[in-house]
PDB file of all heavy atoms in Angstrom:
ATOM      1  N   ILE A   1    -134.902 115.651 -36.380  1.00  0.00           N
ATOM      2  CA  ILE A   1    -135.000 114.195 -36.259  1.00  0.00           C
ATOM      3  C   ILE A   1    -135.504 113.818 -34.872  1.00  0.00           C
ATOM      4  O   ILE A   1    -136.304 112.882 -34.723  1.00  0.00           O
ATOM      5  CB  ILE A   1    -133.636 113.529 -36.547  1.00  0.00           C
ATOM      6  CG1 ILE A   1    -133.240 113.762 -38.007  1.00  0.00           C
ATOM      7  CG2 ILE A   1    -133.702 112.029 -36.263  1.00  0.00           C
ATOM      8  CD1 ILE A   1    -131.943 113.120 -38.417  1.00  0.00           C
ATOM      9  N   GLU A   2    -135.075 114.553 -33.849  1.00  0.00           N
ATOM     10  CA  GLU A   2    -135.560 114.302 -32.493  1.00  0.00           C
ATOM     11  C   GLU A   2    -137.072 114.510 -32.427  1.00  0.00           C
ATOM     12  O   GLU A   2    -137.797 113.698 -31.829  1.00  0.00           O
ATOM     13  CB  GLU A   2    -134.852 115.236 -31.517  1.00  0.00           C
ATOM     14  CG  GLU A   2    -135.269 115.029 -30.066  1.00  0.00           C
ATOM     15  CD  GLU A   2    -134.604 116.017 -29.125  1.00  0.00           C
ATOM     16  OE1 GLU A   2    -134.105 117.059 -29.602  1.00  0.00           O
ATOM     17  OE2 GLU A   2    -134.595 115.743 -27.908  1.00  0.00           O
ATOM     18  N   ASP A   3    -137.563 115.571 -33.056  1.00  0.00           N
ATOM     19  CA  ASP A   3    -138.998 115.856 -33.079  1.00  0.00           C
ATOM     20  C   ASP A   3    -139.756 114.744 -33.807  1.00  0.00           C
ATOM     21  O   ASP A   3    -140.815 114.293 -33.355  1.00  0.00           O
ATOM     22  CB  ASP A   3    -139.241 117.200 -33.765  1.00  0.00           C
ATOM     23  CG  ASP A   3    -140.711 117.594 -33.776  1.00  0.00           C
ATOM     24  OD1 ASP A   3    -141.204 118.067 -32.733  1.00  0.00           O
ATOM     25  OD2 ASP A   3    -141.361 117.400 -34.830  1.00  0.00           O
ATOM     26  N   PHE A   4    -139.199 114.298 -34.927  1.00  0.00           N
ATOM     27  CA  PHE A   4    -139.815 113.222 -35.701  1.00  0.00           C
ATOM     28  C   PHE A   4    -139.920 111.942 -34.873  1.00  0.00           C
ATOM     29  O   PHE A   4    -140.969 111.281 -34.837  1.00  0.00           O
ATOM     30  CB  PHE A   4    -138.986 112.974 -36.966  1.00  0.00           C
ATOM     31  CG  PHE A   4    -139.281 111.678 -37.667  1.00  0.00           C
ATOM     32  CD1 PHE A   4    -140.445 111.518 -38.398  1.00  0.00           C
ATOM     33  CD2 PHE A   4    -138.397 110.605 -37.578  1.00  0.00           C
ATOM     34  CE1 PHE A   4    -140.724 110.312 -39.045  1.00  0.00           C
ATOM     35  CE2 PHE A   4    -138.662 109.405 -38.229  1.00  0.00           C
ATOM     36  CZ  PHE A   4    -139.830 109.258 -38.950  1.00  0.00           C
ATOM     37  N   ILE A   5    -138.840 111.591 -34.188  1.00  0.00           N
ATOM     38  CA  ILE A   5    -138.829 110.364 -33.390  1.00  0.00           C
ATOM     39  C   ILE A   5    -139.817 110.467 -32.224  1.00  0.00           C
ATOM     40  O   ILE A   5    -140.554 109.511 -31.929  1.00  0.00           O
ATOM     41  CB  ILE A   5    -137.406 110.054 -32.882  1.00  0.00           C
ATOM     42  CG1 ILE A   5    -136.500 109.679 -34.062  1.00  0.00           C
ATOM     43  CG2 ILE A   5    -137.418 108.920 -31.854  1.00  0.00           C
ATOM     44  CD1 ILE A   5    -135.032 109.536 -33.714  1.00  0.00           C
ATOM     45  N   ASN A   6    -139.858 111.605 -31.577  1.00  0.00           N
ATOM     46  CA  ASN A   6    -140.789 111.784 -30.452  1.00  0.00           C
ATOM     47  C   ASN A   6    -142.243 111.672 -30.892  1.00  0.00           C
ATOM     48  O   ASN A   6    -143.092 111.172 -30.148  1.00  0.00           O
ATOM     49  CB  ASN A   6    -140.561 113.141 -29.788  1.00  0.00           C
ATOM     50  CG  ASN A   6    -139.310 113.168 -28.929  1.00  0.00           C
ATOM     51  OD1 ASN A   6    -138.898 112.143 -28.386  1.00  0.00           O
ATOM     52  ND2 ASN A   6    -138.692 114.334 -28.801  1.00  0.00           N
ATOM     53  N   ASN A   7    -142.538 112.135 -32.114  1.00  0.00           N
ATOM     54  CA  ASN A   7    -143.917 112.116 -32.607  1.00  0.00           C
ATOM     55  C   ASN A   7    -144.312 110.780 -33.223  1.00  0.00           C
ATOM     56  O   ASN A   7    -145.425 110.302 -33.016  1.00  0.00           O
ATOM     57  CB  ASN A   7    -144.117 113.224 -33.646  1.00  0.00           C
ATOM     58  CG  ASN A   7    -144.195 114.597 -33.010  1.00  0.00           C
ATOM     59  OD1 ASN A   7    -144.818 114.770 -31.972  1.00  0.00           O
ATOM     60  ND2 ASN A   7    -143.547 115.584 -33.614  1.00  0.00           N
ATOM     61  N   LEU A   8    -143.402 110.170 -34.000  1.00  0.00           N
ATOM     62  CA  LEU A   8    -143.748 108.956 -34.745  1.00  0.00           C
ATOM     63  C   LEU A   8    -143.298 107.674 -34.076  1.00  0.00           C
ATOM     64  O   LEU A   8    -143.833 106.603 -34.361  1.00  0.00           O
ATOM     65  CB  LEU A   8    -143.156 109.035 -36.154  1.00  0.00           C
ATOM     66  CG  LEU A   8    -144.002 109.757 -37.204  1.00  0.00           C
ATOM     67  CD1 LEU A   8    -145.339 109.050 -37.405  1.00  0.00           C
ATOM     68  CD2 LEU A   8    -144.195 111.216 -36.902  1.00  0.00           C
ATOM     69  N   LYS A   9    -142.264 107.741 -33.250  1.00  0.00           N
ATOM     70  CA  LYS A   9    -141.715 106.587 -32.551  1.00  0.00           C
ATOM     71  C   LYS A   9    -141.400 105.399 -33.479  1.00  0.00           C
ATOM     72  O   LYS A   9    -141.948 104.308 -33.319  1.00  0.00           O
ATOM     73  CB  LYS A   9    -142.661 106.138 -31.431  1.00  0.00           C
ATOM     74  CG  LYS A   9    -142.798 107.156 -30.313  1.00  0.00           C
ATOM     75  CD  LYS A   9    -143.509 106.575 -29.121  1.00  0.00           C
ATOM     76  CE  LYS A   9    -143.624 107.584 -27.988  1.00  0.00           C
ATOM     77  NZ  LYS A   9    -142.324 108.019 -27.486  1.00  0.00           N
ATOM     78  N   PRO A  10    -140.514 105.593 -34.461  1.00  0.00           N
ATOM     79  CA  PRO A  10    -140.117 104.467 -35.310  1.00  0.00           C
ATOM     80  C   PRO A  10    -139.239 103.485 -34.529  1.00  0.00           C
ATOM     81  O   PRO A  10    -138.428 103.892 -33.692  1.00  0.00           O
ATOM     82  CB  PRO A  10    -139.322 105.146 -36.432  1.00  0.00           C
ATOM     83  CG  PRO A  10    -138.754 106.375 -35.786  1.00  0.00           C
ATOM     84  CD  PRO A  10    -139.793 106.835 -34.804  1.00  0.00           C
ATOM     85  N   ALA A  11    -139.404 102.209 -34.797  1.00  0.00           N
ATOM     86  CA  ALA A  11    -138.595 101.201 -34.101  1.00  0.00           C
ATOM     87  C   ALA A  11    -137.146 101.243 -34.575  1.00  0.00           C
ATOM     88  O   ALA A  11    -136.222 100.946 -33.814  1.00  0.00           O
ATOM     89  CB  ALA A  11    -139.179  99.807 -34.344  1.00  0.00           C
ATOM     90  N   VAL A  12    -136.957 101.614 -35.853  1.00  0.00           N
ATOM     91  CA  VAL A  12    -135.621 101.607 -36.462  1.00  0.00           C
ATOM     92  C   VAL A  12    -135.436 102.886 -37.268  1.00  0.00           C
ATOM     93  O   VAL A  12    -136.370 103.354 -37.922  1.00  0.00           O
ATOM     94  CB  VAL A  12    -135.442 100.380 -37.395  1.00  0.00           C
ATOM     95  CG1 VAL A  12    -134.095 100.424 -38.102  1.00  0.00           C
ATOM     96  CG2 VAL A  12    -135.592  99.083 -36.621  1.00  0.00           C
ATOM     97  N   LEU A  13    -134.226 103.442 -37.239  1.00  0.00           N
ATOM     98  CA  LEU A  13    -133.867 104.566 -38.101  1.00  0.00           C
ATOM     99  C   LEU A  13    -132.575 104.213 -38.819  1.00  0.00           C
ATOM    100  O   LEU A  13    -131.543 103.973 -38.185  1.00  0.00           O
ATOM    101  CB  LEU A  13    -133.680 105.857 -37.295  1.00  0.00           C
ATOM    102  CG  LEU A  13    -133.192 107.078 -38.093  1.00  0.00           C
ATOM    103  CD1 LEU A  13    -134.203 107.461 -39.168  1.00  0.00           C
ATOM    104  CD2 LEU A  13    -132.940 108.265 -37.165  1.00  0.00           C
ATOM    105  N   LEU A  14    -132.644 104.167 -40.160  1.00  0.00           N
ATOM    106  CA  LEU A  14    -131.473 103.864 -40.980  1.00  0.00           C
ATOM    107  C   LEU A  14    -130.936 105.156 -41.583  1.00  0.00           C
ATOM    108  O   LEU A  14    -131.696 105.972 -42.101  1.00  0.00           O
ATOM    109  CB  LEU A  14    -131.837 102.880 -42.092  1.00  0.00           C
ATOM    110  CG  LEU A  14    -132.453 101.546 -41.656  1.00  0.00           C
ATOM    111  CD1 LEU A  14    -132.756 100.674 -42.883  1.00  0.00           C
ATOM    112  CD2 LEU A  14    -131.533 100.806 -40.696  1.00  0.00           C
ATOM    113  N   VAL A  15    -129.622 105.319 -41.528  1.00  0.00           N
ATOM    114  CA  VAL A  15    -128.973 106.539 -42.006  1.00  0.00           C
ATOM    115  C   VAL A  15    -127.820 106.161 -42.926  1.00  0.00           C
ATOM    116  O   VAL A  15    -127.049 105.248 -42.612  1.00  0.00           O
ATOM    117  CB  VAL A  15    -128.440 107.383 -40.828  1.00  0.00           C
ATOM    118  CG1 VAL A  15    -127.808 108.676 -41.327  1.00  0.00           C
ATOM    119  CG2 VAL A  15    -129.557 107.682 -39.826  1.00  0.00           C
ATOM    120  N   GLY A  16    -127.713 106.836 -44.050  1.00  0.00           N
ATOM    121  CA  GLY A  16    -126.596 106.595 -44.953  1.00  0.00           C
ATOM    122  C   GLY A  16    -125.283 107.055 -44.328  1.00  0.00           C
ATOM    123  O   GLY A  16    -125.234 108.099 -43.669  1.00  0.00           O
ATOM    124  N   ALA A  17    -124.221 106.288 -44.522  1.00  0.00           N
ATOM    125  CA  ALA A  17    -122.917 106.633 -43.938  1.00  0.00           C
ATOM    126  C   ALA A  17    -122.195 107.653 -44.814  1.00  0.00           C
ATOM    127  O   ALA A  17    -121.077 107.447 -45.275  1.00  0.00           O
ATOM    128  CB  ALA A  17    -122.068 105.382 -43.755  1.00  0.00           C
ATOM    129  N   THR A  18    -122.865 108.780 -45.043  1.00  0.00           N
ATOM    130  CA  THR A  18    -122.272 109.893 -45.771  1.00  0.00           C
ATOM    131  C   THR A  18    -121.656 110.855 -44.751  1.00  0.00           C
ATOM    132  O   THR A  18    -121.733 110.619 -43.544  1.00  0.00           O
ATOM    133  CB  THR A  18    -123.338 110.637 -46.583  1.00  0.00           C
ATOM    134  OG1 THR A  18    -124.325 111.157 -45.670  1.00  0.00           O
ATOM    135  CG2 THR A  18    -124.039 109.701 -47.567  1.00  0.00           C
ATOM    136  N   THR A  19    -121.080 111.942 -45.229  1.00  0.00           N
ATOM    137  CA  THR A  19    -120.513 112.933 -44.310  1.00  0.00           C
ATOM    138  C   THR A  19    -121.586 113.479 -43.376  1.00  0.00           C
ATOM    139  O   THR A  19    -121.369 113.612 -42.169  1.00  0.00           O
ATOM    140  CB  THR A  19    -119.866 114.089 -45.101  1.00  0.00           C
ATOM    141  OG1 THR A  19    -118.903 113.552 -46.005  1.00  0.00           O
ATOM    142  CG2 THR A  19    -119.183 115.064 -44.171  1.00  0.00           C
ATOM    143  N   VAL A  20    -122.752 113.777 -43.939  1.00  0.00           N
ATOM    144  CA  VAL A  20    -123.866 114.293 -43.124  1.00  0.00           C
ATOM    145  C   VAL A  20    -124.393 113.213 -42.186  1.00  0.00           C
ATOM    146  O   VAL A  20    -124.593 113.441 -40.990  1.00  0.00           O
ATOM    147  CB  VAL A  20    -125.001 114.819 -44.020  1.00  0.00           C
ATOM    148  CG1 VAL A  20    -126.251 115.121 -43.207  1.00  0.00           C
ATOM    149  CG2 VAL A  20    -124.556 116.075 -44.766  1.00  0.00           C
ATOM    150  N   GLY A  21    -124.614 112.027 -42.720  1.00  0.00           N
ATOM    151  CA  GLY A  21    -125.157 110.931 -41.915  1.00  0.00           C
ATOM    152  C   GLY A  21    -124.279 110.564 -40.735  1.00  0.00           C
ATOM    153  O   GLY A  21    -124.767 110.287 -39.638  1.00  0.00           O
ATOM    154  N   ARG A  22    -122.975 110.590 -40.955  1.00  0.00           N
ATOM    155  CA  ARG A  22    -122.042 110.241 -39.875  1.00  0.00           C
ATOM    156  C   ARG A  22    -121.972 111.326 -38.806  1.00  0.00           C
ATOM    157  O   ARG A  22    -121.511 111.076 -37.693  1.00  0.00           O
ATOM    158  CB  ARG A  22    -120.653 109.977 -40.461  1.00  0.00           C
ATOM    159  CG  ARG A  22    -120.556 108.619 -41.142  1.00  0.00           C
ATOM    160  CD  ARG A  22    -119.230 108.418 -41.813  1.00  0.00           C
ATOM    161  NE  ARG A  22    -119.079 107.023 -42.225  1.00  0.00           N
ATOM    162  CZ  ARG A  22    -118.293 106.622 -43.200  1.00  0.00           C
ATOM    163  NH1 ARG A  22    -117.568 107.510 -43.871  1.00  0.00           N
ATOM    164  NH2 ARG A  22    -118.184 105.338 -43.504  1.00  0.00           N
ATOM    165  N   SER A  23    -122.408 112.528 -39.135  1.00  0.00           N
ATOM    166  CA  SER A  23    -122.491 113.599 -38.131  1.00  0.00           C
ATOM    167  C   SER A  23    -123.801 113.514 -37.355  1.00  0.00           C
ATOM    168  O   SER A  23    -123.832 113.699 -36.128  1.00  0.00           O
ATOM    169  CB  SER A  23    -122.395 114.971 -38.807  1.00  0.00           C
ATOM    170  OG  SER A  23    -121.167 115.137 -39.468  1.00  0.00           O
ATOM    171  N   LEU A  24    -124.874 113.220 -38.070  1.00  0.00           N
ATOM    172  CA  LEU A  24    -126.204 113.217 -37.462  1.00  0.00           C
ATOM    173  C   LEU A  24    -126.451 112.017 -36.545  1.00  0.00           C
ATOM    174  O   LEU A  24    -126.938 112.174 -35.421  1.00  0.00           O
ATOM    175  CB  LEU A  24    -127.268 113.211 -38.558  1.00  0.00           C
ATOM    176  CG  LEU A  24    -127.784 114.542 -39.082  1.00  0.00           C
ATOM    177  CD1 LEU A  24    -128.744 114.298 -40.234  1.00  0.00           C
ATOM    178  CD2 LEU A  24    -128.482 115.324 -37.985  1.00  0.00           C
ATOM    179  N   ALA A  25    -126.160 110.832 -37.034  1.00  0.00           N
ATOM    180  CA  ALA A  25    -126.540 109.605 -36.326  1.00  0.00           C
ATOM    181  C   ALA A  25    -126.034 109.547 -34.882  1.00  0.00           C
ATOM    182  O   ALA A  25    -126.805 109.214 -33.968  1.00  0.00           O
ATOM    183  CB  ALA A  25    -126.088 108.385 -37.126  1.00  0.00           C
ATOM    184  N   PRO A  26    -124.755 109.859 -34.610  1.00  0.00           N
ATOM    185  CA  PRO A  26    -124.290 109.788 -33.213  1.00  0.00           C
ATOM    186  C   PRO A  26    -125.008 110.767 -32.293  1.00  0.00           C
ATOM    187  O   PRO A  26    -125.281 110.452 -31.136  1.00  0.00           O
ATOM    188  CB  PRO A  26    -122.796 110.137 -33.324  1.00  0.00           C
ATOM    189  CG  PRO A  26    -122.426 109.901 -34.747  1.00  0.00           C
ATOM    190  CD  PRO A  26    -123.664 110.209 -35.529  1.00  0.00           C
ATOM    191  N   ARG A  27    -125.332 111.957 -32.802  1.00  0.00           N
ATOM    192  CA  ARG A  27    -126.022 112.948 -31.973  1.00  0.00           C
ATOM    193  C   ARG A  27    -127.441 112.492 -31.644  1.00  0.00           C
ATOM    194  O   ARG A  27    -127.919 112.685 -30.527  1.00  0.00           O
ATOM    195  CB  ARG A  27    -126.053 114.303 -32.685  1.00  0.00           C
ATOM    196  CG  ARG A  27    -124.697 115.010 -32.662  1.00  0.00           C
ATOM    197  CD  ARG A  27    -124.737 116.293 -33.456  1.00  0.00           C
ATOM    198  NE  ARG A  27    -123.473 117.002 -33.351  1.00  0.00           N
ATOM    199  CZ  ARG A  27    -123.234 118.042 -32.557  1.00  0.00           C
ATOM    200  NH1 ARG A  27    -124.198 118.495 -31.794  1.00  0.00           N
ATOM    201  NH2 ARG A  27    -122.055 118.623 -32.528  1.00  0.00           N
ATOM    202  N   VAL A  28    -128.106 111.917 -32.627  1.00  0.00           N
ATOM    203  CA  VAL A  28    -129.462 111.419 -32.387  1.00  0.00           C
ATOM    204  C   VAL A  28    -129.421 110.276 -31.377  1.00  0.00           C
ATOM    205  O   VAL A  28    -130.232 110.222 -30.442  1.00  0.00           O
ATOM    206  CB  VAL A  28    -130.107 110.952 -33.707  1.00  0.00           C
ATOM    207  CG1 VAL A  28    -131.454 110.288 -33.444  1.00  0.00           C
ATOM    208  CG2 VAL A  28    -130.278 112.126 -34.663  1.00  0.00           C
TER     209      VAL A  28
END
């Protein structure tokens, strides 16, 4: 996700509040 953001530079990233999403979003 870090690589994606660095390359595409999206203004917003939406993440589902699932078990995986709640782990990923804070780290990003």
